Amino acid sequence: MTFDATLSYFKEIEKDAPESIVPLVSDLSGEMANALAVWKSVPIDVHECGDCCSENDQEKWEWLWSQARVDEEKFIEYSGIKYMNAKSVLKRIKYLRLVYPDGTINEMARGIMQGILVKSVRSSGRPTKRSSE
């Protein structure tokens, strides 16, 4: 499988694994949420080297990430996560398949993050699109 085909495979099966977002739900105002909030801004270089030949999902996932280089310094800077914790958080959001090496976020996790934002805006008293209509 090519990089794009492997990436599409994981995006397609994410809806079959809602348990991957449970740690995020318990960390709504913490480091994982901060990491997801900045993920699209973190530079990632993808260098495809051949195709993935494994049938094992874990090996496919590891192969996918082996093709990408995340700018960890920018991740730390943008997320505001302390250096000592940042690499652990990065490993965790990758392992839980909350982020992808193309700079996108798991759709369920993205929905949760949008819900957090809407709730935050509503509690701040600022009008949201729905409440202003």
Protein backbone atom coordinates (compact mmCIF):
# COMPACT_ATOMS: atom_id res chain seq x y z
CA MET A 1 0.00 0.00 0.00
CA THR A 2 1.16 3.52 -0.73
CA PHE A 3 1.39 6.20 1.95
CA ASP A 4 -1.89 7.77 0.80
CA ALA A 5 -3.70 4.42 0.64
CA THR A 6 -2.46 3.46 4.11
CA LEU A 7 -3.46 6.85 5.49
CA SER A 8 -6.92 6.53 3.93
CA TYR A 9 -7.28 3.05 5.40
CA PHE A 10 -6.74 4.34 8.93
CA LYS A 11 -9.04 7.30 8.44
CA GLU A 12 -11.73 4.92 7.23
CA ILE A 13 -11.45 2.52 10.18
CA GLU A 14 -11.22 5.22 12.89
CA LYS A 15 -14.99 5.21 13.34
CA ASP A 16 -14.71 1.56 14.40
CA ALA A 17 -12.46 2.48 17.32
CA PRO A 18 -14.22 5.12 19.43
CA GLU A 19 -12.33 3.92 22.49
CA SER A 20 -9.25 5.75 21.21
CA ILE A 21 -10.79 9.09 22.23
CA VAL A 22 -11.54 8.08 25.84
CA PRO A 23 -8.20 9.44 27.13
CA LEU A 24 -8.91 12.74 25.37
CA VAL A 25 -12.31 13.03 27.03
CA SER A 26 -10.64 12.68 30.43
CA ASP A 27 -8.05 15.34 29.45
CA LEU A 28 -10.27 18.03 27.91
CA SER A 29 -8.34 20.93 29.36
CA GLY A 30 -4.96 19.25 29.51
CA GLU A 31 -1.94 18.47 27.42
CA MET A 32 -3.61 16.17 24.90
CA ALA A 33 -6.20 18.81 24.11
CA ASN A 34 -3.42 21.41 23.72
CA ALA A 35 -1.56 19.06 21.40
CA LEU A 36 -4.61 18.51 19.20
CA ALA A 37 -5.41 22.21 19.15
CA VAL A 38 -2.09 22.99 17.45
CA TRP A 39 -1.58 19.82 15.43
CA LYS A 40 -2.53 21.31 12.05
CA SER A 41 0.10 24.04 12.55
CA VAL A 42 2.99 21.69 13.32
CA PRO A 43 5.34 21.20 10.36
CA ILE A 44 5.52 17.60 9.16
CA ASP A 45 7.75 16.38 6.33
CA VAL A 46 6.65 13.22 4.56
CA HIS A 47 9.26 11.23 2.66
CA GLU A 48 7.69 8.19 1.08
CA CYS A 49 10.08 5.30 0.75
CA GLY A 50 8.33 2.47 -1.00
CA ASP A 51 5.04 0.85 -0.07
CA CYS A 52 3.78 -0.77 3.10
CA CYS A 53 3.69 -4.53 2.72
CA SER A 54 2.32 -5.56 6.10
CA GLU A 55 -1.20 -6.81 6.75
CA ASN A 56 -0.87 -6.08 10.48
CA ASP A 57 -2.52 -2.80 11.51
CA GLN A 58 0.11 -1.93 14.12
CA GLU A 59 2.90 -2.50 11.62
CA LYS A 60 1.03 -0.42 9.02
CA TRP A 61 0.62 2.40 11.54
CA GLU A 62 4.31 2.30 12.46
CA TRP A 63 5.28 2.26 8.77
CA LEU A 64 3.04 5.25 8.10
CA TRP A 65 4.71 7.28 10.84
CA SER A 66 8.19 6.14 9.75
CA GLN A 67 7.55 8.07 6.54
CA ALA A 68 6.97 11.34 8.42
CA ARG A 69 9.14 13.66 10.46
CA VAL A 70 7.32 15.87 12.95
CA ASP A 71 9.04 19.11 13.91
CA GLU A 72 9.09 18.33 17.63
CA GLU A 73 10.54 21.71 18.59
CA LYS A 74 7.63 23.50 16.90
CA PHE A 75 5.19 21.04 18.49
CA ILE A 76 6.57 21.90 21.93
CA GLU A 77 6.59 25.62 21.20
CA TYR A 78 3.08 25.75 19.74
CA SER A 79 1.43 23.46 22.28
CA GLY A 80 2.95 25.08 25.36
CA ILE A 81 3.54 21.63 26.82
CA LYS A 82 6.58 21.40 29.05
CA TYR A 83 9.54 19.86 27.28
CA MET A 84 9.70 16.93 29.71
CA ASN A 85 6.09 15.96 28.86
CA ALA A 86 5.86 16.93 25.20
CA LYS A 87 7.51 13.85 23.69
CA SER A 88 5.35 11.59 25.81
CA VAL A 89 2.20 13.46 24.76
CA LEU A 90 3.26 13.29 21.12
CA LYS A 91 3.83 9.54 21.36
CA ARG A 92 0.48 9.12 23.08
CA ILE A 93 -1.59 11.03 20.51
CA LYS A 94 0.14 9.06 17.75
CA TYR A 95 -0.36 5.73 19.52
CA LEU A 96 -4.05 6.46 20.16
CA ARG A 97 -4.40 7.40 16.49
CA LEU A 98 -5.76 10.82 17.37
CA VAL A 99 -3.48 12.46 14.78
CA TYR A 100 -2.22 11.53 11.35
CA PRO A 101 1.13 12.18 9.69
CA ASP A 102 -0.52 14.39 7.06
CA GLY A 103 -1.33 16.99 9.73
CA THR A 104 -4.96 16.03 10.18
CA ILE A 105 -6.84 14.92 13.28
CA ASN A 106 -9.08 11.92 13.96
CA GLU A 107 -12.64 13.01 13.12
CA MET A 108 -14.09 11.98 16.50
CA ALA A 109 -11.32 13.86 18.32
CA ARG A 110 -11.88 16.88 16.08
CA GLY A 111 -15.58 16.81 16.96
CA ILE A 112 -14.75 16.77 20.67
CA MET A 113 -12.34 19.67 20.24
CA GLN A 114 -15.00 21.66 18.38
CA GLY A 115 -17.45 20.92 21.19
CA ILE A 116 -14.93 22.23 23.73
CA LEU A 117 -14.54 25.41 21.73
CA VAL A 118 -18.28 25.99 21.42
CA LYS A 119 -18.78 25.35 25.13
CA SER A 120 -15.94 27.72 25.99
CA VAL A 121 -17.34 30.47 23.78
CA ARG A 122 -20.83 30.02 25.19
CA SER A 123 -19.61 30.16 28.77
CA SER A 124 -17.67 33.33 28.00
CA GLY A 125 -20.88 35.06 26.99
CA ARG A 126 -19.78 35.60 23.39
CA PRO A 127 -22.51 34.88 20.84
CA THR A 128 -22.09 31.76 18.74
CA LYS A 129 -23.50 31.36 15.27
CA ARG A 130 -26.49 29.39 16.55
CA SER A 131 -27.23 31.66 19.48
CA SER A 132 -27.03 34.80 17.39
CA GLU A 133 -29.51 33.57 14.79
